[in-house]
Amino acid sequence: MYPLARPFLFALDAERAHGMALRGMDLAHSMGLSRLLTAPSAPFPTKLLGLTFPNPVGLAAGLDKNGDHIEALFALGFGFVEVGTVTPRAQAGNPAPRLFRVPEHRAIINRMGFNNLGVAALVKNVEALKTRPGILGINIGKNKDTPNDQAARDYLNCLERVYPLADYITVNISSPNTAGLRELQEEQQLRALVSTLREAQEKLAAQHRKRVPLLVKVSPDLSDEDIDAASRVLNDLGVDGVIATNTTVSRVAINQHRLAKEAGGLSGAPLLGRSTATLRRLRTRLPEAMPLIGVGGIMSGADAVAKTSAGAQLVQLYSGLIYRGPKLIGECVEAIRRRKEGRSSGMRTDHE
């Protein structure tokens, strides 16, 4: 069905098409027609972070900022869904137009700016779910007008509000669309922020009698030295995992395109190489016991396998879903399954 709908959606303004696609997905789910949008895969349980994921392919944050579409998204076959980024207070985000397709490169530029209805609205939506259809991650950020020296207050606010509802929580300090946010990845600022959040996490675990994993999402634009510094901090402070990566401000791959000068984060196919290189370096700098989630530029099953080959145990989709539709989910699940089964078979052969 998606191949039929895509030309119509791509003829519309990108942000309008985004909203229309989500409403259509909700309608299909309410009518029990989600199976027409995707081809469900056989279960492929993956244990990580103390959780059992039905399969290792998830939805990246940003598509469903307020948790309005959780059940319909899970019905597409995702093993986990991450909603947000959510901030303490509602904010409109950056002025429109702020979302641009670059179809020649299978890419998207966005400068949305954490537009969301605030953490109270997201909490209400999650609490209203009739069932918990799968592993739910919640991505938290700070409000645009909160200075960096007070950022911890915003992250703590969101952490405390979503903790009872999330299966895992992601700290977003890597969006390029909130001025100054990426400065929080600098070694000393990162250590101060994550230390505060880790302390709060342990207190909340005791209070709620459950431990919700805390992950940090990093930028693909960090230098090797910055990746190494961030790895030291995240390892020292014992975060539960890392998501690599957010979008890039680089335009090298599309520098001749008419949209190349549009501000914002670039995602899609041009991001694959840089995000995977960041992932690979993180894997060599972090202990094997620390899980990595690979996201950025996955447009095929082979791209998902490239992430797992670089060290990711789970992967996430976003832009690939826009260009390929829900069938990409099952394609990635099956590609990762084949790689795992092939590797296991090879290991058995070596011992025979």
C-alpha atoms as a PDB file:
ATOM      1  CA  MET A   1       0.000   0.000   0.000  1.00  0.00           C
ATOM      2  CA  TYR A   2       2.799   2.468   0.839  1.00  0.00           C
ATOM      3  CA  PRO A   3       4.265   2.459  -2.704  1.00  0.00           C
ATOM      4  CA  LEU A   4       0.858   3.635  -3.913  1.00  0.00           C
ATOM      5  CA  ALA A   5       0.596   6.368  -1.286  1.00  0.00           C
ATOM      6  CA  ARG A   6       4.166   7.644  -1.514  1.00  0.00           C
ATOM      7  CA  PRO A   7       3.846   9.705  -4.752  1.00  0.00           C
ATOM      8  CA  PHE A   8       0.865  11.521  -3.260  1.00  0.00           C
ATOM      9  CA  LEU A   9       2.642  12.154   0.048  1.00  0.00           C
ATOM     10  CA  PHE A  10       5.831  13.315  -1.675  1.00  0.00           C
ATOM     11  CA  ALA A  11       3.795  15.821  -3.701  1.00  0.00           C
ATOM     12  CA  LEU A  12       2.820  17.553  -0.445  1.00  0.00           C
ATOM     13  CA  ASP A  13       4.850  19.784   1.841  1.00  0.00           C
ATOM     14  CA  ALA A  14       7.037  17.422   3.895  1.00  0.00           C
ATOM     15  CA  GLU A  15       5.661  18.377   7.311  1.00  0.00           C
ATOM     16  CA  ARG A  16       2.058  18.210   6.120  1.00  0.00           C
ATOM     17  CA  ALA A  17       2.723  14.790   4.576  1.00  0.00           C
ATOM     18  CA  HIS A  18       4.274  13.652   7.858  1.00  0.00           C
ATOM     19  CA  GLY A  19       1.090  14.424   9.784  1.00  0.00           C
ATOM     20  CA  MET A  20      -1.138  12.942   7.112  1.00  0.00           C
ATOM     21  CA  ALA A  21       0.851   9.692   7.022  1.00  0.00           C
ATOM     22  CA  LEU A  22       0.597   9.297  10.787  1.00  0.00           C
ATOM     23  CA  ARG A  23      -3.154   9.896  10.717  1.00  0.00           C
ATOM     24  CA  GLY A  24      -3.529   7.363   7.910  1.00  0.00           C
ATOM     25  CA  MET A  25      -1.502   4.841   9.884  1.00  0.00           C
ATOM     26  CA  ASP A  26      -3.734   5.373  12.932  1.00  0.00           C
ATOM     27  CA  LEU A  27      -6.838   4.886  10.799  1.00  0.00           C
ATOM     28  CA  ALA A  28      -5.488   1.672   9.311  1.00  0.00           C
ATOM     29  CA  HIS A  29      -4.668   0.386  12.785  1.00  0.00           C
ATOM     30  CA  SER A  30      -8.121   1.236  14.154  1.00  0.00           C
ATOM     31  CA  MET A  31      -9.678  -0.731  11.293  1.00  0.00           C
ATOM     32  CA  GLY A  32      -7.365  -3.700  11.769  1.00  0.00           C
ATOM     33  CA  LEU A  33      -5.674  -3.059   8.428  1.00  0.00           C
ATOM     34  CA  SER A  34      -2.075  -2.506   9.543  1.00  0.00           C
ATOM     35  CA  ARG A  35      -1.147  -5.808   7.911  1.00  0.00           C
ATOM     36  CA  LEU A  36      -1.762  -4.130   4.536  1.00  0.00           C
ATOM     37  CA  LEU A  37       1.099  -1.716   5.264  1.00  0.00           C
ATOM     38  CA  THR A  38       3.734  -4.249   6.218  1.00  0.00           C
ATOM     39  CA  ALA A  39       4.772  -7.887   6.094  1.00  0.00           C
ATOM     40  CA  PRO A  40       5.231  -9.096   9.692  1.00  0.00           C
ATOM     41  CA  SER A  41       8.397 -11.028  10.470  1.00  0.00           C
ATOM     42  CA  ALA A  42       8.656 -14.122  12.621  1.00  0.00           C
ATOM     43  CA  PRO A  43       9.684 -13.318  16.207  1.00  0.00           C
ATOM     44  CA  PHE A  44      13.397 -12.712  16.679  1.00  0.00           C
ATOM     45  CA  PRO A  45      13.812 -12.100  20.427  1.00  0.00           C
ATOM     46  CA  THR A  46      16.850 -10.063  21.410  1.00  0.00           C
ATOM     47  CA  LYS A  47      17.812  -9.696  25.073  1.00  0.00           C
ATOM     48  CA  LEU A  48      19.501  -6.443  25.986  1.00  0.00           C
ATOM     49  CA  LEU A  49      19.380  -3.851  28.778  1.00  0.00           C
ATOM     50  CA  GLY A  50      17.570  -6.377  30.943  1.00  0.00           C
ATOM     51  CA  LEU A  51      14.723  -6.392  28.426  1.00  0.00           C
ATOM     52  CA  THR A  52      13.544  -8.834  25.776  1.00  0.00           C
ATOM     53  CA  PHE A  53      12.963  -7.079  22.466  1.00  0.00           C
ATOM     54  CA  PRO A  54      10.609  -8.960  20.087  1.00  0.00           C
ATOM     55  CA  ASN A  55      13.073  -8.134  17.312  1.00  0.00           C
ATOM     56  CA  PRO A  56      16.159  -5.890  17.065  1.00  0.00           C
ATOM     57  CA  VAL A  57      14.669  -3.232  14.746  1.00  0.00           C
ATOM     58  CA  GLY A  58      13.143  -0.148  16.322  1.00  0.00           C
ATOM     59  CA  LEU A  59      11.805   3.284  15.478  1.00  0.00           C
ATOM     60  CA  ALA A  60      14.087   6.224  16.231  1.00  0.00           C
ATOM     61  CA  ALA A  61      12.858   9.229  18.181  1.00  0.00           C
ATOM     62  CA  GLY A  62      11.420  12.172  16.270  1.00  0.00           C
ATOM     63  CA  LEU A  63       8.617  10.575  14.296  1.00  0.00           C
ATOM     64  CA  ASP A  64       6.160  10.468  17.212  1.00  0.00           C
ATOM     65  CA  LYS A  65       7.162  13.319  19.479  1.00  0.00           C
ATOM     66  CA  ASN A  66       4.175  13.213  21.830  1.00  0.00           C
ATOM     67  CA  GLY A  67       3.382   9.502  21.982  1.00  0.00           C
ATOM     68  CA  ASP A  68       0.201   9.961  19.956  1.00  0.00           C
ATOM     69  CA  HIS A  69       0.710   6.973  17.645  1.00  0.00           C
ATOM     70  CA  ILE A  70       2.387   4.273  19.741  1.00  0.00           C
ATOM     71  CA  GLU A  71      -0.029   1.400  19.152  1.00  0.00           C
ATOM     72  CA  ALA A  72      -0.191   1.977  15.396  1.00  0.00           C
ATOM     73  CA  LEU A  73       3.600   2.152  15.159  1.00  0.00           C
ATOM     74  CA  PHE A  74       4.055  -1.133  16.975  1.00  0.00           C
ATOM     75  CA  ALA A  75       1.507  -2.713  14.632  1.00  0.00           C
ATOM     76  CA  LEU A  76       3.964  -2.095  11.764  1.00  0.00           C
ATOM     77  CA  GLY A  77       6.281  -4.714  13.243  1.00  0.00           C
ATOM     78  CA  PHE A  78       8.843  -2.702  15.209  1.00  0.00           C
ATOM     79  CA  GLY A  79      10.596  -4.529  18.029  1.00  0.00           C
ATOM     80  CA  PHE A  80      10.681  -1.287  19.992  1.00  0.00           C
ATOM     81  CA  VAL A  81       9.495   2.282  19.561  1.00  0.00           C
ATOM     82  CA  GLU A  82      11.178   5.430  20.893  1.00  0.00           C
ATOM     83  CA  VAL A  83       8.996   8.514  21.298  1.00  0.00           C
ATOM     84  CA  GLY A  84      10.003  12.138  21.861  1.00  0.00           C
ATOM     85  CA  THR A  85      12.128  14.184  22.120  1.00  0.00           C
ATOM     86  CA  VAL A  86      10.009  15.597  24.921  1.00  0.00           C
ATOM     87  CA  THR A  87      10.815  18.720  26.957  1.00  0.00           C
ATOM     88  CA  PRO A  88       9.443  19.884  30.325  1.00  0.00           C
ATOM     89  CA  ARG A  89       7.310  22.606  28.773  1.00  0.00           C
ATOM     90  CA  ALA A  90       5.501  22.637  25.445  1.00  0.00           C
ATOM     91  CA  GLN A  91       7.311  24.492  22.682  1.00  0.00           C
ATOM     92  CA  ALA A  92       6.509  25.243  19.073  1.00  0.00           C
ATOM     93  CA  GLY A  93       9.965  24.513  17.694  1.00  0.00           C
ATOM     94  CA  ASN A  94      11.591  26.443  14.882  1.00  0.00           C
ATOM     95  CA  PRO A  95       9.610  28.406  12.265  1.00  0.00           C
ATOM     96  CA  ALA A  96       8.317  26.600   9.170  1.00  0.00           C
ATOM     97  CA  PRO A  97       9.393  25.540   6.641  1.00  0.00           C
ATOM     98  CA  ARG A  98      11.638  23.281   8.697  1.00  0.00           C
ATOM     99  CA  LEU A  99      11.462  19.875   7.030  1.00  0.00           C
ATOM    100  CA  PHE A 100      12.834  19.170   3.553  1.00  0.00           C
ATOM    101  CA  ARG A 101      13.142  16.023   1.461  1.00  0.00           C
ATOM    102  CA  VAL A 102      16.189  15.507  -0.740  1.00  0.00           C
ATOM    103  CA  PRO A 103      14.938  12.565  -2.828  1.00  0.00           C
ATOM    104  CA  GLU A 104      17.911  12.561  -5.205  1.00  0.00           C
ATOM    105  CA  HIS A 105      20.017  11.482  -2.232  1.00  0.00           C
ATOM    106  CA  ARG A 106      17.306   9.636  -0.267  1.00  0.00           C
ATOM    107  CA  ALA A 107      17.844  12.192   2.477  1.00  0.00           C
ATOM    108  CA  ILE A 108      15.927  14.547   4.760  1.00  0.00           C
ATOM    109  CA  ILE A 109      16.935  17.862   6.306  1.00  0.00           C
ATOM    110  CA  ASN A 110      15.067  18.893   9.437  1.00  0.00           C
ATOM    111  CA  ARG A 111      15.345  21.789  11.826  1.00  0.00           C
ATOM    112  CA  MET A 112      12.209  21.022  13.816  1.00  0.00           C
ATOM    113  CA  GLY A 113      13.693  22.135  17.144  1.00  0.00           C
ATOM    114  CA  PHE A 114      12.094  19.782  19.689  1.00  0.00           C
ATOM    115  CA  ASN A 115       8.547  20.826  18.824  1.00  0.00           C
ATOM    116  CA  ASN A 116       6.335  18.976  21.295  1.00  0.00           C
ATOM    117  CA  LEU A 117       3.414  19.415  23.674  1.00  0.00           C
ATOM    118  CA  GLY A 118       5.507  18.998  26.809  1.00  0.00           C
ATOM    119  CA  VAL A 119       6.171  16.079  29.109  1.00  0.00           C
ATOM    120  CA  ALA A 120       2.738  16.188  30.778  1.00  0.00           C
ATOM    121  CA  ALA A 121       1.015  15.556  27.433  1.00  0.00           C
ATOM    122  CA  LEU A 122       3.317  12.656  26.586  1.00  0.00           C
ATOM    123  CA  VAL A 123       2.799  11.092  30.013  1.00  0.00           C
ATOM    124  CA  LYS A 124      -0.965  11.369  29.561  1.00  0.00           C
ATOM    125  CA  ASN A 125      -0.794   9.644  26.180  1.00  0.00           C
ATOM    126  CA  VAL A 126       1.333   6.771  27.472  1.00  0.00           C
ATOM    127  CA  GLU A 127      -0.861   6.310  30.531  1.00  0.00           C
ATOM    128  CA  ALA A 128      -3.916   6.132  28.251  1.00  0.00           C
ATOM    129  CA  LEU A 129      -2.594   3.161  26.268  1.00  0.00           C
ATOM    130  CA  LYS A 130      -5.033   0.261  26.416  1.00  0.00           C
ATOM    131  CA  THR A 131      -2.159  -2.202  26.225  1.00  0.00           C
ATOM    132  CA  ARG A 132       1.629  -2.028  26.294  1.00  0.00           C
ATOM    133  CA  PRO A 133       2.307  -3.404  22.817  1.00  0.00           C
ATOM    134  CA  GLY A 134       6.098  -3.561  23.106  1.00  0.00           C
ATOM    135  CA  ILE A 135       9.335  -2.065  24.407  1.00  0.00           C
ATOM    136  CA  LEU A 136       8.866   1.703  24.730  1.00  0.00           C
ATOM    137  CA  GLY A 137      11.735   4.154  24.878  1.00  0.00           C
ATOM    138  CA  ILE A 138      11.229   7.810  25.802  1.00  0.00           C
ATOM    139  CA  ASN A 139      13.686  10.431  24.561  1.00  0.00           C
ATOM    140  CA  ILE A 140      14.158  13.514  26.772  1.00  0.00           C
ATOM    141  CA  GLY A 141      15.627  16.961  26.115  1.00  0.00           C
ATOM    142  CA  LYS A 142      15.717  20.511  27.375  1.00  0.00           C
ATOM    143  CA  ASN A 143      13.636  23.512  26.437  1.00  0.00           C
ATOM    144  CA  LYS A 144      15.141  25.939  23.942  1.00  0.00           C
ATOM    145  CA  ASP A 145      15.170  28.841  26.414  1.00  0.00           C
ATOM    146  CA  THR A 146      16.838  26.892  29.209  1.00  0.00           C
ATOM    147  CA  PRO A 147      20.534  27.850  29.387  1.00  0.00           C
ATOM    148  CA  ASN A 148      23.043  25.015  29.376  1.00  0.00           C
ATOM    149  CA  ASP A 149      24.150  25.718  32.931  1.00  0.00           C
ATOM    150  CA  GLN A 150      20.573  24.881  33.997  1.00  0.00           C
ATOM    151  CA  ALA A 151      20.006  22.041  31.508  1.00  0.00           C
ATOM    152  CA  ALA A 152      20.226  19.356  34.187  1.00  0.00           C
ATOM    153  CA  ARG A 153      17.047  20.757  35.730  1.00  0.00           C
ATOM    154  CA  ASP A 154      15.089  20.128  32.525  1.00  0.00           C
ATOM    155  CA  TYR A 155      16.489  16.645  32.013  1.00  0.00           C
ATOM    156  CA  LEU A 156      15.767  15.740  35.642  1.00  0.00           C
ATOM    157  CA  ASN A 157      12.203  17.031  35.299  1.00  0.00           C
ATOM    158  CA  CYS A 158      11.582  14.789  32.297  1.00  0.00           C
ATOM    159  CA  LEU A 159      13.451  11.829  33.768  1.00  0.00           C
ATOM    160  CA  GLU A 160      11.334  11.851  36.906  1.00  0.00           C
ATOM    161  CA  ARG A 161       8.056  12.227  34.973  1.00  0.00           C
ATOM    162  CA  VAL A 162       8.639   9.470  32.423  1.00  0.00           C
ATOM    163  CA  TYR A 163      10.553   7.004  34.612  1.00  0.00           C
ATOM    164  CA  PRO A 164       7.524   4.959  35.747  1.00  0.00           C
ATOM    165  CA  LEU A 165       6.290   4.593  32.137  1.00  0.00           C
ATOM    166  CA  ALA A 166       9.431   3.961  30.081  1.00  0.00           C
ATOM    167  CA  ASP A 167      11.193   0.695  29.371  1.00  0.00           C
ATOM    168  CA  TYR A 168      14.311   2.771  28.692  1.00  0.00           C
ATOM    169  CA  ILE A 169      15.105   6.495  28.612  1.00  0.00           C
ATOM    170  CA  THR A 170      17.347   8.306  26.128  1.00  0.00           C
ATOM    171  CA  VAL A 171      19.140  11.557  26.952  1.00  0.00           C
ATOM    172  CA  ASN A 172      19.266  13.670  23.784  1.00  0.00           C
ATOM    173  CA  ILE A 173      22.231  16.038  23.867  1.00  0.00           C
ATOM    174  CA  SER A 174      23.047  15.737  20.178  1.00  0.00           C
ATOM    175  CA  SER A 175      20.309  17.423  18.155  1.00  0.00           C
ATOM    176  CA  PRO A 176      21.762  20.200  15.991  1.00  0.00           C
ATOM    177  CA  ASN A 177      18.464  22.106  16.038  1.00  0.00           C
ATOM    178  CA  THR A 178      18.547  23.579  19.555  1.00  0.00           C
ATOM    179  CA  ALA A 179      21.208  26.266  19.822  1.00  0.00           C
ATOM    180  CA  GLY A 180      24.075  25.217  22.067  1.00  0.00           C
ATOM    181  CA  LEU A 181      22.693  21.773  22.867  1.00  0.00           C
ATOM    182  CA  ARG A 182      25.644  19.885  21.409  1.00  0.00           C
ATOM    183  CA  GLU A 183      27.978  21.742  23.767  1.00  0.00           C
ATOM    184  CA  LEU A 184      26.654  19.385  26.442  1.00  0.00           C
ATOM    185  CA  GLN A 185      28.697  16.632  24.752  1.00  0.00           C
ATOM    186  CA  GLU A 186      31.929  18.410  25.742  1.00  0.00           C
ATOM    187  CA  GLU A 187      33.747  16.231  28.288  1.00  0.00           C
ATOM    188  CA  GLN A 188      33.294  18.294  31.439  1.00  0.00           C
ATOM    189  CA  GLN A 189      29.712  19.327  30.700  1.00  0.00           C
ATOM    190  CA  LEU A 190      28.855  15.747  29.758  1.00  0.00           C
ATOM    191  CA  ARG A 191      30.350  14.427  32.989  1.00  0.00           C
ATOM    192  CA  ALA A 192      28.416  16.921  35.108  1.00  0.00           C
ATOM    193  CA  LEU A 193      25.087  16.275  33.377  1.00  0.00           C
ATOM    194  CA  VAL A 194      25.291  12.499  33.179  1.00  0.00           C
ATOM    195  CA  SER A 195      26.559  12.228  36.753  1.00  0.00           C
ATOM    196  CA  THR A 196      23.490  14.135  37.944  1.00  0.00           C
ATOM    197  CA  LEU A 197      21.144  11.967  35.888  1.00  0.00           C
ATOM    198  CA  ARG A 198      22.800   8.717  36.970  1.00  0.00           C
ATOM    199  CA  GLU A 199      22.407   9.691  40.619  1.00  0.00           C
ATOM    200  CA  ALA A 200      18.728  10.454  40.008  1.00  0.00           C
ATOM    201  CA  GLN A 201      18.300   7.172  38.116  1.00  0.00           C
ATOM    202  CA  GLU A 202      19.502   5.163  41.115  1.00  0.00           C
ATOM    203  CA  LYS A 203      17.177   7.048  43.468  1.00  0.00           C
ATOM    204  CA  LEU A 204      14.230   6.509  41.110  1.00  0.00           C
ATOM    205  CA  ALA A 205      15.081   2.814  40.820  1.00  0.00           C
ATOM    206  CA  ALA A 206      14.804   2.459  44.587  1.00  0.00           C
ATOM    207  CA  GLN A 207      11.640   4.560  44.718  1.00  0.00           C
ATOM    208  CA  HIS A 208       9.815   2.657  41.972  1.00  0.00           C
ATOM    209  CA  ARG A 209      11.434  -0.717  42.674  1.00  0.00           C
ATOM    210  CA  LYS A 210      12.505  -1.124  39.077  1.00  0.00           C
ATOM    211  CA  ARG A 211      15.584  -0.059  37.191  1.00  0.00           C
ATOM    212  CA  VAL A 212      14.917   1.741  33.911  1.00  0.00           C
ATOM    213  CA  PRO A 213      18.008   1.824  31.643  1.00  0.00           C
ATOM    214  CA  LEU A 214      19.462   5.241  30.818  1.00  0.00           C
ATOM    215  CA  LEU A 215      21.043   5.740  27.383  1.00  0.00           C
ATOM    216  CA  VAL A 216      22.803   8.713  25.810  1.00  0.00           C
ATOM    217  CA  LYS A 217      22.386   9.668  22.133  1.00  0.00           C
ATOM    218  CA  VAL A 218      25.477  11.145  20.480  1.00  0.00           C
ATOM    219  CA  SER A 219      26.268  13.165  17.374  1.00  0.00           C
ATOM    220  CA  PRO A 220      27.962  11.862  14.210  1.00  0.00           C
ATOM    221  CA  ASP A 221      29.894  15.117  14.002  1.00  0.00           C
ATOM    222  CA  LEU A 222      32.153  14.462  16.990  1.00  0.00           C
ATOM    223  CA  SER A 223      35.862  14.269  16.255  1.00  0.00           C
ATOM    224  CA  ASP A 224      37.705  11.056  17.108  1.00  0.00           C
ATOM    225  CA  GLU A 225      39.119  12.790  20.177  1.00  0.00           C
ATOM    226  CA  ASP A 226      35.638  13.867  21.272  1.00  0.00           C
ATOM    227  CA  ILE A 227      34.300  10.338  20.799  1.00  0.00           C
ATOM    228  CA  ASP A 228      37.126   9.017  22.953  1.00  0.00           C
ATOM    229  CA  ALA A 229      36.447  11.620  25.646  1.00  0.00           C
ATOM    230  CA  ALA A 230      32.721  10.915  25.637  1.00  0.00           C
ATOM    231  CA  SER A 231      33.427   7.192  25.850  1.00  0.00           C
ATOM    232  CA  ARG A 232      35.564   7.728  28.953  1.00  0.00           C
ATOM    233  CA  VAL A 233      32.812   9.709  30.640  1.00  0.00           C
ATOM    234  CA  LEU A 234      30.005   7.300  29.743  1.00  0.00           C
ATOM    235  CA  ASN A 235      32.066   4.315  30.857  1.00  0.00           C
ATOM    236  CA  ASP A 236      33.192   5.968  34.083  1.00  0.00           C
ATOM    237  CA  LEU A 237      29.637   6.877  35.005  1.00  0.00           C
ATOM    238  CA  GLY A 238      28.158   3.512  34.039  1.00  0.00           C
ATOM    239  CA  VAL A 239      25.436   4.545  31.611  1.00  0.00           C
ATOM    240  CA  ASP A 240      23.403   1.601  30.352  1.00  0.00           C
ATOM    241  CA  GLY A 241      23.950   2.163  26.645  1.00  0.00           C
ATOM    242  CA  VAL A 242      24.661   4.570  23.799  1.00  0.00           C
ATOM    243  CA  ILE A 243      22.656   5.435  20.683  1.00  0.00           C
ATOM    244  CA  ALA A 244      24.792   6.352  17.682  1.00  0.00           C
ATOM    245  CA  THR A 245      23.894   8.654  16.043  1.00  0.00           C
ATOM    246  CA  ASN A 246      21.749  11.726  15.643  1.00  0.00           C
ATOM    247  CA  THR A 247      21.654  13.720  12.379  1.00  0.00           C
ATOM    248  CA  THR A 248      24.644  15.535  10.847  1.00  0.00           C
ATOM    249  CA  VAL A 249      25.278  19.169  10.005  1.00  0.00           C
ATOM    250  CA  SER A 250      27.711  18.119   7.266  1.00  0.00           C
ATOM    251  CA  ARG A 251      26.627  18.727   3.681  1.00  0.00           C
ATOM    252  CA  VAL A 252      29.577  17.045   1.952  1.00  0.00           C
ATOM    253  CA  ALA A 253      27.393  14.350   0.389  1.00  0.00           C
ATOM    254  CA  ILE A 254      24.843  16.822  -1.021  1.00  0.00           C
ATOM    255  CA  ASN A 255      26.909  19.983  -1.434  1.00  0.00           C
ATOM    256  CA  GLN A 256      25.757  20.540  -5.021  1.00  0.00           C
ATOM    257  CA  HIS A 257      22.067  20.227  -4.185  1.00  0.00           C
ATOM    258  CA  ARG A 258      19.866  23.331  -4.070  1.00  0.00           C
ATOM    259  CA  LEU A 259      18.831  22.491  -0.475  1.00  0.00           C
ATOM    260  CA  ALA A 260      22.375  22.013   0.812  1.00  0.00           C
ATOM    261  CA  LYS A 261      22.409  25.438   2.469  1.00  0.00           C
ATOM    262  CA  GLU A 262      19.239  24.796   4.469  1.00  0.00           C
ATOM    263  CA  ALA A 263      20.066  24.721   8.180  1.00  0.00           C
ATOM    264  CA  GLY A 264      19.297  21.609  10.164  1.00  0.00           C
ATOM    265  CA  GLY A 265      20.269  17.992  10.604  1.00  0.00           C
ATOM    266  CA  LEU A 266      20.760  15.784   7.555  1.00  0.00           C
ATOM    267  CA  SER A 267      19.516  12.202   7.783  1.00  0.00           C
ATOM    268  CA  GLY A 268      19.012   9.349   5.360  1.00  0.00           C
ATOM    269  CA  ALA A 269      21.467   7.603   3.048  1.00  0.00           C
ATOM    270  CA  PRO A 270      24.236  10.270   3.195  1.00  0.00           C
ATOM    271  CA  LEU A 271      24.474   9.766   6.971  1.00  0.00           C
ATOM    272  CA  LEU A 272      25.207   6.034   6.854  1.00  0.00           C
ATOM    273  CA  GLY A 273      28.978   6.172   6.517  1.00  0.00           C
ATOM    274  CA  ARG A 274      29.686   8.789   9.166  1.00  0.00           C
ATOM    275  CA  SER A 275      27.192   7.446  11.701  1.00  0.00           C
ATOM    276  CA  THR A 276      28.525   3.912  11.284  1.00  0.00           C
ATOM    277  CA  ALA A 277      32.115   5.116  11.674  1.00  0.00           C
ATOM    278  CA  THR A 278      31.131   6.814  14.943  1.00  0.00           C
ATOM    279  CA  LEU A 279      29.417   3.632  16.074  1.00  0.00           C
ATOM    280  CA  ARG A 280      32.481   1.541  15.218  1.00  0.00           C
ATOM    281  CA  ARG A 281      34.829   3.813  17.165  1.00  0.00           C
ATOM    282  CA  LEU A 282      32.500   3.814  20.170  1.00  0.00           C
ATOM    283  CA  ARG A 283      32.502   0.023  20.086  1.00  0.00           C
ATOM    284  CA  THR A 284      36.300  -0.052  20.290  1.00  0.00           C
ATOM    285  CA  ARG A 285      36.335   2.456  23.163  1.00  0.00           C
ATOM    286  CA  LEU A 286      33.477   1.119  25.303  1.00  0.00           C
ATOM    287  CA  PRO A 287      33.306  -2.210  27.130  1.00  0.00           C
ATOM    288  CA  GLU A 288      31.599  -5.016  25.241  1.00  0.00           C
ATOM    289  CA  ALA A 289      29.016  -5.215  28.015  1.00  0.00           C
ATOM    290  CA  MET A 290      27.743  -1.703  27.180  1.00  0.00           C
ATOM    291  CA  PRO A 291      25.039  -2.006  24.493  1.00  0.00           C
ATOM    292  CA  LEU A 292      25.041   0.162  21.389  1.00  0.00           C
ATOM    293  CA  ILE A 293      22.042   1.036  19.226  1.00  0.00           C
ATOM    294  CA  GLY A 294      22.894   1.938  15.636  1.00  0.00           C
ATOM    295  CA  VAL A 295      20.835   4.543  13.807  1.00  0.00           C
ATOM    296  CA  GLY A 296      21.524   6.759  10.821  1.00  0.00           C
ATOM    297  CA  GLY A 297      21.172   6.083   7.123  1.00  0.00           C
ATOM    298  CA  ILE A 298      19.608   2.620   7.188  1.00  0.00           C
ATOM    299  CA  MET A 299      17.842   2.274   3.835  1.00  0.00           C
ATOM    300  CA  SER A 300      18.096  -1.511   3.377  1.00  0.00           C
ATOM    301  CA  GLY A 301      18.641  -4.765   5.196  1.00  0.00           C
ATOM    302  CA  ALA A 302      22.298  -4.616   4.189  1.00  0.00           C
ATOM    303  CA  ASP A 303      22.629  -1.216   5.909  1.00  0.00           C
ATOM    304  CA  ALA A 304      21.154  -2.692   9.108  1.00  0.00           C
ATOM    305  CA  VAL A 305      23.678  -5.509   8.955  1.00  0.00           C
ATOM    306  CA  ALA A 306      26.460  -2.920   8.509  1.00  0.00           C
ATOM    307  CA  LYS A 307      25.414  -1.426  11.840  1.00  0.00           C
ATOM    308  CA  THR A 308      25.502  -4.786  13.601  1.00  0.00           C
ATOM    309  CA  SER A 309      28.870  -5.536  12.005  1.00  0.00           C
ATOM    310  CA  ALA A 310      30.145  -2.247  13.462  1.00  0.00           C
ATOM    311  CA  GLY A 311      29.035  -3.267  16.945  1.00  0.00           C
ATOM    312  CA  ALA A 312      25.331  -2.454  17.336  1.00  0.00           C
ATOM    313  CA  GLN A 313      23.063  -4.960  19.058  1.00  0.00           C
ATOM    314  CA  LEU A 314      19.907  -3.079  18.023  1.00  0.00           C
ATOM    315  CA  VAL A 315      19.151  -0.694  15.159  1.00  0.00           C
ATOM    316  CA  GLN A 316      16.641   2.096  14.604  1.00  0.00           C
ATOM    317  CA  LEU A 317      14.968   3.480  11.481  1.00  0.00           C
ATOM    318  CA  TYR A 318      13.512   6.865  10.578  1.00  0.00           C
ATOM    319  CA  SER A 319      14.330   8.367   7.176  1.00  0.00           C
ATOM    320  CA  GLY A 320      14.464   4.919   5.573  1.00  0.00           C
ATOM    321  CA  LEU A 321      10.883   4.430   6.707  1.00  0.00           C
ATOM    322  CA  ILE A 322       9.888   7.595   4.832  1.00  0.00           C
ATOM    323  CA  TYR A 323      11.570   6.491   1.600  1.00  0.00           C
ATOM    324  CA  ARG A 324      10.996   2.736   1.719  1.00  0.00           C
ATOM    325  CA  GLY A 325       7.858   2.389   3.822  1.00  0.00           C
ATOM    326  CA  PRO A 326       7.090  -0.194   6.523  1.00  0.00           C
ATOM    327  CA  LYS A 327       8.399  -3.122   4.462  1.00  0.00           C
ATOM    328  CA  LEU A 328      11.889  -1.927   5.428  1.00  0.00           C
ATOM    329  CA  ILE A 329      11.260  -3.091   9.003  1.00  0.00           C
ATOM    330  CA  GLY A 330      10.840  -6.747   8.078  1.00  0.00           C
ATOM    331  CA  GLU A 331      13.669  -6.539   5.551  1.00  0.00           C
ATOM    332  CA  CYS A 332      16.046  -5.379   8.276  1.00  0.00           C
ATOM    333  CA  VAL A 333      14.834  -8.000  10.761  1.00  0.00           C
ATOM    334  CA  GLU A 334      15.402 -10.786   8.251  1.00  0.00           C
ATOM    335  CA  ALA A 335      18.818  -9.474   7.181  1.00  0.00           C
ATOM    336  CA  ILE A 336      20.028  -9.337  10.790  1.00  0.00           C
ATOM    337  CA  ARG A 337      18.549 -12.789  11.424  1.00  0.00           C
ATOM    338  CA  ARG A 338      20.399 -14.252   8.432  1.00  0.00           C
ATOM    339  CA  ARG A 339      23.671 -12.683   9.576  1.00  0.00           C
ATOM    340  CA  LYS A 340      23.255 -14.054  13.096  1.00  0.00           C
ATOM    341  CA  GLU A 341      22.271 -17.532  11.912  1.00  0.00           C
ATOM    342  CA  GLY A 342      25.103 -17.595   9.385  1.00  0.00           C
ATOM    343  CA  ARG A 343      27.634 -16.550  11.987  1.00  0.00           C
ATOM    344  CA  SER A 344      26.325 -19.134  14.456  1.00  0.00           C
ATOM    345  CA  SER A 345      26.436 -21.832  11.778  1.00  0.00           C
ATOM    346  CA  GLY A 346      29.993 -20.843  10.932  1.00  0.00           C
ATOM    347  CA  MET A 347      31.002 -21.062  14.573  1.00  0.00           C
ATOM    348  CA  ARG A 348      29.566 -24.582  14.832  1.00  0.00           C
ATOM    349  CA  THR A 349      31.420 -25.621  11.699  1.00  0.00           C
ATOM    350  CA  ASP A 350      34.701 -24.346  13.136  1.00  0.00           C
ATOM    351  CA  HIS A 351      34.279 -26.615  16.147  1.00  0.00           C
ATOM    352  CA  GLU A 352      33.378 -29.699  14.167  1.00  0.00           C
END
